[in-house]
């Protein structure tokens, strides 16, 4: 598998994970009346945000060289 293809798949998976987490959190809050831990939500979005930013940085660096 080419690196470009791998990065595209990884980006799609990251975005899908964030969307799935958001939907799950909304449904959980609606059904139970309580929300998920704030630290869990911050960690989840922080991890995937940094992951996507790092992939953009790596792609830019690869284009320079």
Protein backbone atom coordinates (compact mmCIF):
# COMPACT_ATOMS: atom_id res chain seq x y z
CA UNK A 1 0.00 0.00 0.00
CA UNK A 2 1.35 3.38 -0.97
CA UNK A 3 1.93 5.97 1.75
CA UNK A 4 -0.50 8.41 0.17
CA UNK A 5 -3.23 5.79 0.18
CA UNK A 6 -2.48 4.87 3.79
CA UNK A 7 -2.70 8.51 4.88
CA UNK A 8 -6.02 8.97 3.08
CA UNK A 9 -7.46 5.89 4.78
CA UNK A 10 -6.13 7.08 8.13
CA UNK A 11 -7.70 10.52 7.67
CA UNK A 12 -11.05 8.94 6.84
CA UNK A 13 -10.82 6.68 9.89
CA UNK A 14 -9.92 9.62 12.17
CA UNK A 15 -12.85 11.68 10.95
CA UNK A 16 -15.19 8.68 11.22
CA UNK A 17 -14.03 8.02 14.79
CA UNK A 18 -14.71 11.63 15.80
CA UNK A 19 -18.16 11.58 14.19
CA UNK A 20 -18.99 8.22 15.79
CA UNK A 21 -17.86 9.46 19.22
CA UNK A 22 -19.97 12.61 18.85
CA UNK A 23 -23.07 10.65 17.88
CA UNK A 24 -22.49 8.19 20.73
CA UNK A 25 -22.06 10.99 23.26
CA UNK A 26 -25.26 12.72 22.13
CA UNK A 27 -27.28 9.49 22.25
CA UNK A 28 -25.81 8.58 25.65
CA UNK A 29 -26.69 11.99 27.04
CA UNK A 30 -30.20 11.84 25.60
CA UNK A 31 -30.94 8.34 26.95
CA UNK A 32 -29.34 8.59 30.40
CA UNK A 33 -29.48 12.32 31.12
CA UNK A 34 -25.80 12.41 32.04
CA UNK A 35 -22.88 13.39 29.89
CA UNK A 36 -19.58 11.67 29.25
CA UNK A 37 -16.52 12.71 31.18
CA UNK A 38 -15.09 16.04 30.05
CA UNK A 39 -11.55 14.66 30.26
CA UNK A 40 -12.47 11.76 27.99
CA UNK A 41 -13.97 14.11 25.42
CA UNK A 42 -11.00 16.48 25.53
CA UNK A 43 -8.59 13.55 25.21
CA UNK A 44 -10.52 12.02 22.32
CA UNK A 45 -10.73 15.21 20.25
CA UNK A 46 -7.20 16.22 21.24
CA UNK A 47 -5.70 12.92 20.11
CA UNK A 48 -7.40 12.89 16.74
CA UNK A 49 -6.82 16.61 16.20
CA UNK A 50 -3.10 16.25 16.80
CA UNK A 51 -3.02 13.12 14.64
CA UNK A 52 -4.54 14.99 11.70
CA UNK A 53 -2.27 18.01 12.20
CA UNK A 54 0.79 15.73 12.27
CA UNK A 55 -0.26 14.07 9.01
CA UNK A 56 -0.60 17.49 7.34
CA UNK A 57 2.84 18.47 8.66
CA UNK A 58 4.40 15.23 7.40
CA UNK A 59 2.83 15.70 3.98
CA UNK A 60 4.14 19.29 3.75
CA UNK A 61 7.63 18.20 4.78
CA UNK A 62 7.56 15.38 2.23
CA UNK A 63 6.60 17.83 -0.53
CA UNK A 64 9.51 20.14 0.36
CA UNK A 65 12.06 17.34 -0.02
